[in-house]
Structures are given as C-alpha cells and as structure tokens.
N, C-alpha and C. Protein backbone atom coordinates (compact mmCIF):
# COMPACT_ATOMS: atom_id res chain seq x y z
N MET A 1 122.24 84.16 131.72
CA MET A 1 122.50 84.73 130.65
C MET A 1 124.04 85.58 131.20
N ASN A 2 124.96 85.27 130.48
CA ASN A 2 126.19 85.87 130.82
C ASN A 2 126.40 87.34 130.35
N LEU A 3 126.57 88.17 131.61
CA LEU A 3 126.28 89.48 131.54
C LEU A 3 127.71 90.28 131.89
N ALA A 4 127.78 91.64 131.26
CA ALA A 4 128.49 92.60 131.89
C ALA A 4 127.81 93.52 132.50
N ALA A 5 128.17 94.23 133.88
CA ALA A 5 127.31 95.02 134.50
C ALA A 5 128.16 96.59 134.13
N LEU A 6 127.29 97.47 133.83
CA LEU A 6 127.88 98.87 133.72
C LEU A 6 127.78 99.32 135.17
N CYS A 7 128.82 99.86 135.60
CA CYS A 7 128.81 100.07 137.15
C CYS A 7 129.83 101.10 137.54
N SER A 8 129.13 102.11 138.18
CA SER A 8 130.25 103.27 138.63
C SER A 8 130.62 103.12 140.07
N GLY A 9 129.89 102.33 140.81
CA GLY A 9 129.92 101.97 142.34
C GLY A 9 129.08 102.88 142.97
N GLY A 10 128.15 103.48 142.42
CA GLY A 10 126.88 103.96 142.87
C GLY A 10 125.65 103.31 143.03
N LYS A 11 124.76 103.73 143.77
CA LYS A 11 123.79 102.84 144.43
C LYS A 11 122.99 102.32 143.02
N ASP A 12 122.43 102.95 142.06
CA ASP A 12 121.47 102.40 141.08
C ASP A 12 122.31 101.22 140.17
N SER A 13 123.55 101.53 139.85
CA SER A 13 124.32 100.57 139.14
C SER A 13 124.60 99.37 140.04
N THR A 14 124.88 99.36 141.10
CA THR A 14 125.14 98.40 142.13
C THR A 14 123.73 97.45 142.34
N TYR A 15 122.87 98.23 142.47
CA TYR A 15 121.52 97.44 142.92
C TYR A 15 121.15 96.77 141.62
N ALA A 16 121.11 97.25 140.52
CA ALA A 16 120.81 96.36 139.14
C ALA A 16 121.81 95.47 139.03
N LEU A 17 122.94 95.47 139.41
CA LEU A 17 123.92 94.25 139.30
C LEU A 17 123.43 93.26 140.11
N TRP A 18 123.06 93.63 141.47
CA TRP A 18 122.75 92.38 142.25
C TRP A 18 121.16 91.85 141.86
N LEU A 19 120.32 92.70 141.39
CA LEU A 19 119.13 92.11 140.90
C LEU A 19 119.42 91.08 139.65
N ALA A 20 120.32 91.41 138.75
CA ALA A 20 120.51 90.59 137.70
C ALA A 20 121.14 89.30 138.12
N LYS A 21 122.22 89.50 139.21
CA LYS A 21 122.52 88.13 139.77
C LYS A 21 121.55 87.36 140.59
N GLY A 22 120.56 87.93 141.15
CA GLY A 22 119.44 87.48 141.91
C GLY A 22 118.69 86.81 140.95
N ASP A 23 118.48 86.97 139.38
CA ASP A 23 117.63 86.46 138.77
C ASP A 23 118.25 85.30 137.92
N GLY A 24 119.59 84.99 138.57
CA GLY A 24 120.22 83.85 138.06
C GLY A 24 121.15 84.18 136.79
N HIS A 25 121.34 85.46 136.54
CA HIS A 25 122.48 85.73 135.44
C HIS A 25 123.81 85.43 135.89
N ASN A 26 124.77 85.16 135.12
CA ASN A 26 126.19 85.56 135.50
C ASN A 26 126.85 86.55 135.17
N VAL A 27 127.24 87.58 136.15
CA VAL A 27 127.71 88.81 135.96
C VAL A 27 129.29 88.46 136.02
N GLY A 28 129.65 88.61 134.61
CA GLY A 28 131.33 88.02 134.68
C GLY A 28 132.24 89.10 134.80
N LYS A 29 131.72 90.35 134.20
CA LYS A 29 132.62 91.51 134.42
C LYS A 29 131.82 92.78 134.68
N ILE A 30 132.65 93.65 135.42
CA ILE A 30 132.01 94.95 135.90
C ILE A 30 132.86 95.94 134.78
N VAL A 31 132.03 96.86 134.07
CA VAL A 31 132.50 97.70 132.90
C VAL A 31 132.30 99.14 133.63
N THR A 32 133.43 99.82 133.53
CA THR A 32 133.38 101.35 134.10
C THR A 32 133.85 102.18 133.15
N MET A 33 133.14 103.22 132.76
CA MET A 33 133.48 104.25 131.84
C MET A 33 134.21 105.26 132.58
N ILE A 34 135.39 105.82 132.53
CA ILE A 34 135.96 106.92 133.19
C ILE A 34 135.86 108.18 132.32
N PRO A 35 134.88 109.13 132.67
CA PRO A 35 134.79 110.22 131.71
C PRO A 35 136.00 111.28 131.76
N THR A 36 136.14 111.71 130.54
CA THR A 36 137.30 112.75 130.75
C THR A 36 137.01 114.28 131.27
N ARG A 37 135.61 114.40 131.54
CA ARG A 37 135.11 115.69 131.87
C ARG A 37 134.11 115.32 133.00
N GLU A 38 134.08 116.33 133.94
CA GLU A 38 133.36 116.09 135.25
C GLU A 38 131.76 116.11 135.06
N ASP A 39 131.34 116.80 133.94
CA ASP A 39 129.92 116.92 133.53
C ASP A 39 129.67 116.21 132.21
N SER A 40 129.96 114.83 132.51
CA SER A 40 129.83 113.99 131.54
C SER A 40 128.25 113.76 131.29
N TRP A 41 127.94 113.45 129.98
CA TRP A 41 126.49 113.23 129.63
C TRP A 41 126.01 112.05 130.09
N MET A 42 126.79 111.02 130.25
CA MET A 42 126.32 109.55 130.59
C MET A 42 126.81 109.08 131.73
N TYR A 43 127.95 109.34 132.35
CA TYR A 43 128.77 108.57 133.17
C TYR A 43 128.95 109.37 134.64
N HIS A 44 129.06 108.65 135.50
CA HIS A 44 129.42 109.07 137.00
C HIS A 44 130.71 109.49 136.94
N TYR A 45 131.12 110.70 137.68
CA TYR A 45 132.57 111.00 137.87
C TYR A 45 132.85 111.20 139.18
N PRO A 46 132.33 111.57 140.34
CA PRO A 46 132.86 111.78 141.73
C PRO A 46 133.43 110.35 142.02
N ASN A 47 134.71 110.52 142.61
CA ASN A 47 135.30 109.56 143.21
C ASN A 47 135.36 108.03 142.26
N ILE A 48 135.51 108.15 141.02
CA ILE A 48 135.45 106.94 140.04
C ILE A 48 136.55 106.30 140.18
N ASN A 49 137.52 106.88 140.70
CA ASN A 49 138.73 106.03 141.00
C ASN A 49 138.66 104.93 142.00
N LEU A 50 137.60 105.05 142.77
CA LEU A 50 137.54 104.07 143.63
C LEU A 50 136.79 102.48 143.25
N VAL A 51 136.60 102.62 141.89
CA VAL A 51 136.00 101.62 141.28
C VAL A 51 136.76 100.18 141.33
N ASP A 52 138.11 100.43 141.54
CA ASP A 52 139.04 99.30 141.74
C ASP A 52 138.77 98.68 143.03
N LEU A 53 138.52 99.44 143.99
CA LEU A 53 138.11 99.00 145.38
C LEU A 53 136.81 98.21 145.20
N PHE A 54 135.80 98.79 144.71
CA PHE A 54 134.59 98.40 144.59
C PHE A 54 134.63 97.07 143.88
N SER A 55 135.32 96.89 142.96
CA SER A 55 135.45 95.61 142.09
C SER A 55 135.92 94.60 143.10
N ASP A 56 136.90 94.80 143.86
CA ASP A 56 137.49 94.17 144.63
C ASP A 56 136.52 93.36 145.80
N CYS A 57 135.84 94.30 146.19
CA CYS A 57 134.64 93.98 147.40
C CYS A 57 133.54 93.01 146.60
N VAL A 58 132.96 93.47 145.55
CA VAL A 58 132.08 92.77 144.72
C VAL A 58 132.47 91.18 144.53
N GLY A 59 134.09 91.31 143.99
CA GLY A 59 134.48 89.85 143.64
C GLY A 59 134.50 89.74 142.04
N ILE A 60 134.08 90.75 141.30
CA ILE A 60 134.03 90.33 139.86
C ILE A 60 135.08 91.31 139.19
N PRO A 61 135.58 90.62 138.27
CA PRO A 61 136.52 91.41 137.58
C PRO A 61 136.19 92.71 136.86
N LEU A 62 137.03 93.83 136.77
CA LEU A 62 136.64 95.07 136.25
C LEU A 62 137.43 95.26 134.94
N VAL A 63 136.75 95.85 134.01
CA VAL A 63 137.29 96.51 132.75
C VAL A 63 137.05 97.96 133.02
N LYS A 64 138.02 98.72 132.46
CA LYS A 64 137.77 100.10 132.63
C LYS A 64 138.27 100.60 131.12
N SER A 65 137.55 101.84 130.81
CA SER A 65 137.97 102.39 129.48
C SER A 65 137.63 103.90 129.64
N VAL A 66 138.50 104.70 129.19
CA VAL A 66 138.10 106.12 129.11
C VAL A 66 137.04 106.43 128.12
N ALA A 67 136.03 107.45 128.70
CA ALA A 67 134.90 108.01 127.61
C ALA A 67 135.02 109.34 127.38
N GLY A 68 135.38 109.43 126.02
CA GLY A 68 135.87 110.76 125.21
C GLY A 68 134.75 112.04 125.85
N GLY A 69 135.45 112.96 125.31
CA GLY A 69 134.85 114.40 125.84
C GLY A 69 133.49 115.02 125.15
N ASP A 70 132.99 114.26 124.31
CA ASP A 70 131.71 114.80 123.60
C ASP A 70 130.51 113.60 123.73
N PRO A 71 129.43 113.98 123.43
CA PRO A 71 128.30 113.05 123.43
C PRO A 71 128.47 111.79 122.65
N GLU A 72 128.95 111.85 121.45
CA GLU A 72 128.86 111.02 120.63
C GLU A 72 129.95 109.86 120.81
N GLN A 73 131.24 110.47 121.36
CA GLN A 73 132.32 109.71 121.59
C GLN A 73 132.21 109.03 122.76
N GLU A 74 131.44 109.48 123.80
CA GLU A 74 131.15 108.74 125.00
C GLU A 74 130.22 107.23 124.63
N VAL A 75 129.41 107.42 123.71
CA VAL A 75 128.66 106.42 123.27
C VAL A 75 129.82 105.39 122.39
N GLU A 76 130.38 105.95 121.36
CA GLU A 76 131.36 105.01 120.81
C GLU A 76 132.42 104.30 121.63
N ASP A 77 132.92 105.08 122.63
CA ASP A 77 133.74 104.39 123.48
C ASP A 77 133.15 103.16 124.26
N LEU A 78 131.83 103.52 124.68
CA LEU A 78 131.19 102.18 125.35
C LEU A 78 131.19 101.18 124.50
N LYS A 79 130.70 101.50 123.08
CA LYS A 79 130.89 100.31 122.21
C LYS A 79 132.01 99.52 121.90
N ASN A 80 133.01 100.33 121.86
CA ASN A 80 134.21 99.81 121.57
C ASN A 80 134.87 98.58 122.67
N ILE A 81 134.41 99.12 123.90
CA ILE A 81 134.82 98.15 125.12
C ILE A 81 133.94 97.00 125.29
N LEU A 82 132.63 97.44 125.06
CA LEU A 82 131.64 95.95 125.21
C LEU A 82 131.79 95.20 124.04
N GLY A 83 132.25 95.52 122.83
CA GLY A 83 132.49 94.82 121.42
C GLY A 83 133.55 93.84 121.97
N ARG A 84 134.40 94.00 122.69
CA ARG A 84 135.53 93.15 123.03
C ARG A 84 135.23 92.18 124.01
N LEU A 85 134.19 91.89 124.68
CA LEU A 85 133.83 91.09 125.82
C LEU A 85 133.16 90.18 125.24
N ASP A 86 133.19 88.73 125.88
CA ASP A 86 132.58 87.56 125.40
C ASP A 86 131.36 87.53 126.27
N VAL A 87 130.30 88.45 126.15
CA VAL A 87 129.04 88.42 126.74
C VAL A 87 127.86 88.56 126.01
N GLU A 88 126.82 88.11 126.54
CA GLU A 88 125.49 87.93 125.96
C GLU A 88 124.52 89.34 125.98
N GLY A 89 124.94 89.93 127.10
CA GLY A 89 124.07 91.03 127.26
C GLY A 89 124.69 92.16 128.37
N VAL A 90 124.05 93.30 128.54
CA VAL A 90 124.54 94.39 129.66
C VAL A 90 123.54 94.51 130.54
N VAL A 91 123.81 94.81 131.86
CA VAL A 91 122.82 95.41 132.82
C VAL A 91 123.14 96.74 133.18
N SER A 92 122.23 97.62 133.29
CA SER A 92 122.62 98.86 133.68
C SER A 92 121.56 99.54 134.72
N GLY A 93 121.91 100.70 135.50
CA GLY A 93 121.10 100.96 136.36
C GLY A 93 120.20 102.10 136.03
N ALA A 94 119.90 102.39 134.80
CA ALA A 94 118.83 103.37 134.32
C ALA A 94 117.65 103.48 134.90
N ILE A 95 117.02 104.44 135.33
CA ILE A 95 115.85 104.57 136.03
C ILE A 95 114.72 105.41 135.19
N ALA A 96 115.15 106.44 134.75
CA ALA A 96 114.16 107.22 134.06
C ALA A 96 114.96 108.31 132.83
N SER A 97 116.18 108.05 132.75
CA SER A 97 116.89 108.83 131.88
C SER A 97 116.81 108.22 130.29
N LYS A 98 116.06 108.79 129.53
CA LYS A 98 115.94 108.19 128.20
C LYS A 98 117.31 108.42 127.44
N TYR A 99 117.96 109.47 127.77
CA TYR A 99 119.09 109.90 127.12
C TYR A 99 120.07 108.73 127.26
N GLN A 100 120.31 108.21 128.47
CA GLN A 100 121.20 107.04 128.92
C GLN A 100 120.72 105.79 128.24
N LYS A 101 119.55 105.46 128.77
CA LYS A 101 119.00 104.26 128.34
C LYS A 101 118.91 104.16 126.73
N SER A 102 118.54 105.05 126.02
CA SER A 102 118.46 104.97 124.35
C SER A 102 119.86 104.74 123.88
N ARG A 103 120.68 105.36 124.62
CA ARG A 103 122.14 105.14 123.85
C ARG A 103 122.68 103.78 124.31
N ILE A 104 122.40 103.28 125.64
CA ILE A 104 122.99 101.83 125.96
C ILE A 104 121.92 100.91 125.04
N ASP A 105 120.91 101.09 124.71
CA ASP A 105 120.08 100.16 124.03
C ASP A 105 120.76 100.19 122.63
N ARG A 106 120.94 101.33 122.01
CA ARG A 106 121.55 101.38 120.79
C ARG A 106 122.79 100.63 120.75
N VAL A 107 123.65 100.89 121.73
CA VAL A 107 125.05 100.14 121.42
C VAL A 107 124.77 98.72 121.60
N CYS A 108 124.04 98.20 122.44
CA CYS A 108 123.58 96.78 122.59
C CYS A 108 123.01 96.15 121.38
N LYS A 109 121.96 96.87 120.62
CA LYS A 109 121.34 96.41 119.40
C LYS A 109 122.35 96.27 118.27
N GLU A 110 123.53 97.28 118.23
CA GLU A 110 124.62 97.21 117.22
C GLU A 110 125.47 96.09 117.46
N LEU A 111 125.60 95.51 118.68
CA LEU A 111 126.46 94.56 119.10
C LEU A 111 125.68 93.04 119.12
N GLY A 112 124.48 93.28 119.11
CA GLY A 112 123.60 91.96 118.99
C GLY A 112 123.63 91.48 120.51
N LEU A 113 123.59 92.74 121.67
CA LEU A 113 123.54 92.06 122.84
C LEU A 113 122.19 92.55 123.57
N LYS A 114 121.76 92.03 124.54
CA LYS A 114 120.42 92.23 125.12
C LYS A 114 120.93 93.40 126.23
N SER A 115 119.94 94.38 126.44
CA SER A 115 120.15 95.37 127.25
C SER A 115 119.19 95.29 128.48
N LEU A 116 119.48 95.06 129.80
CA LEU A 116 118.66 94.81 130.94
C LEU A 116 118.81 95.87 131.87
N THR A 117 117.70 96.35 132.12
CA THR A 117 117.44 97.63 133.07
C THR A 117 116.38 97.28 134.18
N PRO A 118 116.90 96.50 135.16
CA PRO A 118 115.82 96.02 135.91
C PRO A 118 115.27 97.24 136.84
N LEU A 119 115.64 98.51 136.98
CA LEU A 119 115.21 99.53 137.75
C LEU A 119 114.31 100.60 136.71
N TRP A 120 114.34 100.28 135.29
CA TRP A 120 113.67 101.39 134.44
C TRP A 120 112.04 101.36 135.06
N GLY A 121 111.84 102.57 135.27
CA GLY A 121 110.28 103.02 135.22
C GLY A 121 109.68 102.92 136.57
N LYS A 122 110.66 102.45 137.44
CA LYS A 122 110.26 102.30 138.93
C LYS A 122 110.00 103.78 139.57
N ASP A 123 109.01 103.90 140.51
CA ASP A 123 108.93 105.14 141.02
C ASP A 123 110.10 105.43 141.74
N PRO A 124 110.44 106.64 141.84
CA PRO A 124 112.00 107.14 142.36
C PRO A 124 111.84 107.05 143.98
N ALA A 125 110.71 107.19 144.68
CA ALA A 125 110.82 107.34 146.02
C ALA A 125 110.85 105.67 146.62
N ASP A 126 109.88 105.24 145.72
CA ASP A 126 109.66 103.47 146.30
C ASP A 126 110.94 102.93 145.92
N LEU A 127 111.67 102.99 144.89
CA LEU A 127 113.10 102.41 144.57
C LEU A 127 114.05 102.90 145.40
N THR A 128 114.10 103.84 146.08
CA THR A 128 115.30 104.51 146.94
C THR A 128 115.03 103.74 148.22
N ASN A 129 113.78 103.75 148.61
CA ASN A 129 113.39 102.90 149.87
C ASN A 129 113.81 101.53 149.68
N GLU A 130 113.37 100.84 148.53
CA GLU A 130 113.78 99.50 148.13
C GLU A 130 115.43 99.14 148.34
N ILE A 131 116.11 100.18 147.73
CA ILE A 131 117.61 99.90 147.89
C ILE A 131 117.90 100.00 149.12
N ILE A 132 117.56 100.88 150.12
CA ILE A 132 118.05 101.15 151.44
C ILE A 132 117.42 100.03 152.21
N SER A 133 116.43 99.45 152.13
CA SER A 133 116.05 98.30 152.67
C SER A 133 116.65 96.96 152.46
N SER A 134 117.13 96.97 150.95
CA SER A 134 117.96 95.69 150.58
C SER A 134 119.34 95.58 151.50
N GLY A 135 119.70 96.52 152.27
CA GLY A 135 120.91 96.36 153.04
C GLY A 135 122.19 97.16 152.29
N LEU A 136 122.04 97.94 151.50
CA LEU A 136 123.42 98.81 150.69
C LEU A 136 123.80 99.73 151.76
N LYS A 137 125.00 99.91 152.13
CA LYS A 137 125.43 101.26 153.00
C LYS A 137 125.96 102.19 151.93
N ILE A 138 125.24 103.13 151.80
CA ILE A 138 125.56 104.28 150.58
C ILE A 138 125.67 105.58 151.36
N ILE A 139 126.78 106.34 150.67
CA ILE A 139 126.78 107.82 151.20
C ILE A 139 126.69 108.68 149.89
N LEU A 140 126.43 109.82 150.18
CA LEU A 140 126.51 110.97 148.94
C LEU A 140 127.78 111.33 148.74
N VAL A 141 128.24 111.49 147.72
CA VAL A 141 129.55 111.89 147.35
C VAL A 141 129.53 113.12 146.44
N ALA A 142 128.36 113.65 146.01
CA ALA A 142 128.56 114.95 145.41
C ALA A 142 126.67 115.35 145.70
N VAL A 143 126.61 116.66 145.58
CA VAL A 143 125.35 117.32 145.37
C VAL A 143 125.30 118.42 144.60
N ALA A 144 124.18 118.63 143.94
CA ALA A 144 124.03 119.78 143.06
C ALA A 144 122.59 120.14 142.58
N ALA A 145 121.81 120.46 143.68
CA ALA A 145 120.57 121.00 143.74
C ALA A 145 120.03 121.93 145.00
N GLU A 146 119.35 122.94 144.62
CA GLU A 146 118.97 123.71 145.64
C GLU A 146 118.39 123.08 147.07
N GLY A 147 118.65 123.19 148.25
CA GLY A 147 118.24 122.42 149.23
C GLY A 147 119.23 121.45 149.70
N LEU A 148 120.16 121.11 148.86
CA LEU A 148 121.19 120.06 149.26
C LEU A 148 122.33 120.87 149.45
N GLY A 149 122.75 121.21 150.67
CA GLY A 149 123.88 122.00 151.25
C GLY A 149 125.27 120.93 151.62
N GLU A 150 126.17 121.64 152.01
CA GLU A 150 127.28 121.15 152.22
C GLU A 150 127.28 119.79 153.28
N GLU A 151 126.32 120.09 154.26
CA GLU A 151 125.90 118.94 155.33
C GLU A 151 125.45 117.51 154.63
N TRP A 152 125.34 117.54 153.42
CA TRP A 152 124.89 116.33 152.75
C TRP A 152 126.04 115.67 152.33
N LEU A 153 127.21 116.34 152.07
CA LEU A 153 128.37 115.63 151.70
C LEU A 153 128.92 114.44 152.71
N GLY A 154 129.02 113.35 152.24
CA GLY A 154 129.29 112.27 153.11
C GLY A 154 128.23 111.50 153.88
N ARG A 155 127.11 112.01 153.94
CA ARG A 155 126.04 111.71 154.63
C ARG A 155 125.53 110.31 154.18
N GLU A 156 125.21 109.43 155.14
CA GLU A 156 124.62 108.19 154.73
C GLU A 156 123.27 108.22 154.17
N LEU A 157 123.17 107.66 153.01
CA LEU A 157 121.76 107.52 152.47
C LEU A 157 120.73 106.51 153.35
N ASP A 158 120.17 107.00 154.09
CA ASP A 158 119.22 105.87 155.10
C ASP A 158 118.10 106.45 155.13
N GLU A 159 117.17 105.81 156.03
CA GLU A 159 115.70 106.00 155.94
C GLU A 159 115.57 107.54 156.36
N GLU A 160 116.09 108.02 157.40
CA GLU A 160 116.05 109.44 157.66
C GLU A 160 116.44 110.30 156.68
N ALA A 161 117.62 110.07 156.10
CA ALA A 161 118.05 110.97 154.71
C ALA A 161 116.72 110.55 153.69
N ILE A 162 116.31 109.73 153.55
CA ILE A 162 115.43 109.54 152.45
C ILE A 162 113.98 110.39 152.80
N GLY A 163 113.71 110.37 154.21
CA GLY A 163 112.56 111.43 154.65
C GLY A 163 113.00 112.90 154.31
N ASP A 164 114.05 113.10 154.48
CA ASP A 164 114.59 114.38 154.23
C ASP A 164 114.41 114.89 152.94
N LEU A 165 114.80 114.03 152.06
CA LEU A 165 114.79 114.04 150.65
C LEU A 165 113.22 114.29 149.74
N LEU A 166 112.32 113.59 150.48
CA LEU A 166 111.02 113.72 150.22
C LEU A 166 110.48 115.19 150.54
N LEU A 167 111.15 115.56 151.62
CA LEU A 167 110.47 116.93 151.97
C LEU A 167 111.16 117.97 151.12
N LEU A 168 112.51 117.56 150.97
CA LEU A 168 113.08 118.69 149.95
C LEU A 168 112.52 118.64 148.55
N GLY A 169 111.98 117.52 148.29
CA GLY A 169 111.29 117.30 147.05
C GLY A 169 110.22 118.12 146.72
N GLU A 170 109.35 118.14 147.95
CA GLU A 170 108.07 119.02 147.77
C GLU A 170 108.27 120.43 147.82
N LYS A 171 109.53 120.92 148.24
CA LYS A 171 109.76 122.28 148.33
C LYS A 171 110.46 122.57 147.14
N TYR A 172 111.59 121.64 146.78
CA TYR A 172 112.31 122.29 145.44
C TYR A 172 112.15 121.35 144.43
N GLY A 173 111.53 120.39 144.54
CA GLY A 173 111.38 119.46 143.07
C GLY A 173 112.52 118.50 143.26
N ILE A 174 113.16 118.15 143.97
CA ILE A 174 114.33 117.29 144.00
C ILE A 174 113.80 115.70 143.85
N ASN A 175 114.52 114.92 143.03
CA ASN A 175 114.06 113.77 142.85
C ASN A 175 114.70 112.88 143.89
N PRO A 176 114.01 112.03 144.59
CA PRO A 176 114.46 111.47 145.86
C PRO A 176 115.64 110.54 145.34
N SER A 177 115.72 110.00 144.17
CA SER A 177 116.63 108.88 143.84
C SER A 177 117.80 109.60 143.15
N GLY A 178 117.72 110.94 143.12
CA GLY A 178 118.89 111.46 142.43
C GLY A 178 119.08 111.64 140.92
N GLU A 179 117.99 110.95 140.44
CA GLU A 179 117.95 110.65 138.93
C GLU A 179 118.27 111.94 137.95
N GLY A 180 117.98 113.14 138.58
CA GLY A 180 118.16 114.36 137.82
C GLY A 180 119.47 114.93 137.93
N GLY A 181 120.44 114.37 138.64
CA GLY A 181 121.73 114.69 138.67
C GLY A 181 121.77 115.75 140.12
N GLU A 182 120.69 115.56 141.06
CA GLU A 182 120.78 116.18 142.27
C GLU A 182 121.82 115.87 143.24
N TYR A 183 122.18 114.43 143.14
CA TYR A 183 123.17 114.07 144.03
C TYR A 183 123.67 112.66 143.36
N GLU A 184 125.13 112.55 143.76
CA GLU A 184 125.68 111.07 143.37
C GLU A 184 126.19 110.24 144.55
N THR A 185 126.20 108.94 144.41
CA THR A 185 126.25 108.27 145.62
C THR A 185 127.55 107.25 145.38
N LEU A 186 128.18 106.55 146.53
CA LEU A 186 128.92 105.85 146.58
C LEU A 186 128.57 104.39 147.53
N VAL A 187 128.71 103.03 147.13
CA VAL A 187 128.05 102.15 147.84
C VAL A 187 129.58 101.69 148.60
N LEU A 188 129.44 101.55 149.95
CA LEU A 188 130.36 101.10 150.69
C LEU A 188 130.44 99.68 150.99
N ASP A 189 129.22 99.26 151.03
CA ASP A 189 129.02 97.68 151.63
C ASP A 189 127.55 97.18 151.04
N ALA A 190 127.55 96.05 150.82
CA ALA A 190 126.07 95.31 150.54
C ALA A 190 126.30 93.94 151.08
N PRO A 191 124.93 93.37 151.14
CA PRO A 191 125.04 91.90 151.59
C PRO A 191 125.97 91.11 150.53
N PHE A 192 125.85 91.34 149.33
CA PHE A 192 126.46 90.34 148.27
C PHE A 192 127.88 90.67 148.17
N PHE A 193 128.32 91.63 148.80
CA PHE A 193 129.96 92.09 148.89
C PHE A 193 130.58 91.10 149.65
N LYS A 194 131.90 90.80 149.31
CA LYS A 194 132.77 89.79 149.99
C LYS A 194 133.70 90.71 150.99
N SER A 195 133.78 91.91 150.80
CA SER A 195 134.57 92.91 151.79
C SER A 195 133.90 94.21 151.54
N ARG A 196 134.36 95.20 152.24
CA ARG A 196 133.58 96.61 152.14
C ARG A 196 134.92 97.68 151.90
N ILE A 197 134.35 98.69 151.63
CA ILE A 197 135.20 99.86 151.45
C ILE A 197 135.30 100.74 152.77
N LYS A 198 136.54 101.05 153.12
CA LYS A 198 136.67 101.76 154.43
C LYS A 198 137.31 103.14 153.99
N ILE A 199 136.71 104.22 154.41
CA ILE A 199 137.27 105.52 153.97
C ILE A 199 138.46 106.01 155.16
N LEU A 200 139.35 106.34 154.64
CA LEU A 200 140.39 106.57 155.34
C LEU A 200 140.55 108.11 155.78
N ASN A 201 140.48 108.75 154.67
CA ASN A 201 140.49 110.44 154.53
C ASN A 201 139.82 110.80 153.53
N ALA A 202 139.02 111.81 153.73
CA ALA A 202 138.00 112.55 152.94
C ALA A 202 138.00 114.01 153.24
N GLU A 203 137.56 114.76 152.21
CA GLU A 203 137.44 116.38 152.14
C GLU A 203 136.19 116.64 151.59
N LYS A 204 135.62 117.72 152.13
CA LYS A 204 134.46 118.16 151.73
C LYS A 204 134.73 119.51 150.60
N VAL A 205 134.52 119.55 149.47
CA VAL A 205 134.90 120.64 148.73
C VAL A 205 133.61 121.09 147.94
N TRP A 206 133.38 122.43 148.35
CA TRP A 206 132.39 123.13 147.98
C TRP A 206 132.36 124.40 147.17
N HIS A 207 131.68 124.35 145.89
CA HIS A 207 131.89 125.50 144.88
C HIS A 207 130.28 126.18 144.72
N GLY A 208 130.17 127.25 145.45
CA GLY A 208 129.05 127.91 145.15
C GLY A 208 127.73 127.33 145.73
N ASP A 209 127.08 126.35 144.68
CA ASP A 209 125.89 126.09 145.12
C ASP A 209 125.76 124.33 144.85
N ARG A 210 127.28 123.67 144.76
CA ARG A 210 127.22 122.40 144.67
C ARG A 210 128.63 122.01 145.09
N GLY A 211 128.87 120.53 145.45
CA GLY A 211 130.16 120.28 146.14
C GLY A 211 130.36 118.72 145.96
N CYS A 212 131.47 118.22 146.26
CA CYS A 212 131.58 116.81 146.24
C CYS A 212 132.28 116.58 147.65
N TYR A 213 132.23 115.24 147.96
CA TYR A 213 132.99 114.62 149.05
C TYR A 213 134.03 113.92 148.31
N LEU A 214 135.22 114.47 148.56
CA LEU A 214 136.40 113.89 147.79
C LEU A 214 137.18 113.01 148.81
N ILE A 215 137.10 111.74 148.30
CA ILE A 215 137.75 110.55 149.12
C ILE A 215 139.36 110.40 148.74
N LYS A 216 140.15 110.85 149.58
CA LYS A 216 141.50 110.95 149.35
C LYS A 216 142.28 109.60 149.66
N ALA A 217 141.57 108.90 150.40
CA ALA A 217 142.47 107.50 150.78
C ALA A 217 141.20 106.59 151.35
N ALA A 218 141.40 105.23 150.72
CA ALA A 218 140.48 104.26 151.19
C ALA A 218 141.08 102.94 151.03
N GLU A 219 140.33 101.94 151.57
CA GLU A 219 141.18 100.43 151.60
C GLU A 219 139.86 99.53 151.53
N VAL A 220 140.12 98.36 151.31
CA VAL A 220 139.23 97.22 151.33
C VAL A 220 139.54 96.54 152.60
N GLU A 221 137.99 96.42 153.34
CA GLU A 221 138.32 95.78 154.81
C GLU A 221 137.52 94.71 154.83
N ALA A 222 138.06 93.61 155.59
CA ALA A 222 137.42 92.32 155.39
C ALA A 222 136.17 92.60 156.40
N LYS A 223 135.23 91.76 156.27
CA LYS A 223 133.87 91.75 156.94
C LYS A 223 134.27 90.79 158.13
N THR A 224 133.67 91.16 159.26
CA THR A 224 133.98 90.18 160.39
C THR A 224 132.63 89.33 160.80
C-alpha cells in the first residue's frame, strides 16, 4: 500500500514508519504538522523545525503544513494536507491516545484512506523496550512530569533510562512510553536511516516544573 507517514521525528512515529516499511508498504511521504501553539492537542512541538533534517536522514520527501490553534482546526488542517496527496493510507504512532487516534481515523474515513496504527494497544513498557532494542538512538527533548527534572533533558533513552522511568512510574505514575505527555523525544539515528542528525549546539530551558532541550544548531552527518 502507498502510504504517508504522520511523523514528528519522535520515537513513536518513527518506529511506526519503520514497521510499515517492514510490512512491505511503500511510505512515499512524511507528513508533519507544525502546531501554532506549544500545547497542541494533537501534535509534537519541541524542536519540530528539525523535521527537515529528519526527512533527509530517512530519505523520504517531506510535506509540512501549519496546524491551527484550536482542536477542530488542527483536524481540518490535517484533512486538507492529506487530501492533496496521492496515497492509499496513513500510518501514525498512536499508542493509547483515543483523542489522537479517533481524529486521525475520522480524517482517513472522510478521505477514503486506510488508517494504520501498528503501535496501538501495546504495553507501554514493552513497547519502549522494543523500540530501544530495534536500534533507534533517541534523546529526550522535553519533560513535563513530577520526577523528571532538568537532568533528563538531552538524555539518551536507553535501557538504563527505561529502568529509571519504570521506577519513577511506580512512585509518580509516569507512563514509561511518555504517552501521557510526560516527555517528548527526538530520533537522531536508526538502522534504516541513510544518515543521522548531529547536534551542534543545544540549551536546556527550564520553567518551574517542566523544560525543553532547545536544539539551536544541527546538521545531517554521513554514516561511516
């Protein structure tokens, strides 16, 4: 099936894209929605400007569109951009958010497209371990939950980090996959990437009980 991948450069959408390719689908377009507000209801915001580098690394053309400031406009903007593409379906990285999945499903139904959600319903801890084991190199670029301090910003999401997240989950109720908005991620490299993202300059920005890892400069780096 000829697909578009809804992708932000984060771990879940990246892994969903990879699984779709592994199932034999042709992912011909990466679609990224650029939210006009940091607290978007549906879309990833931190370092979303790096999606151009992400697209270069994956080797799939990128289509970007602005997502409006209210919930219904975000959905309508998604419908408008998908309606212009010559695809049969859409793959997304939804895991447990009924809000997100129901709206993507609705848009796809209205456009006559298939909605593929290969991560849907998976156990958060098992899924996160699965993603790490697959070889994705991931860092945290935003945190917004009790127990996740400034030291987590820019930290690699590896086996040790997952272990720490599980402990924090027992204490504070943190979802280890970050599906509840506890953290946001950026994929720097993956086995199917043609090149990788190299961070040149970044800054930790902290506001009270949350923060982001603001990447000021980055480039595409060839794999050796």
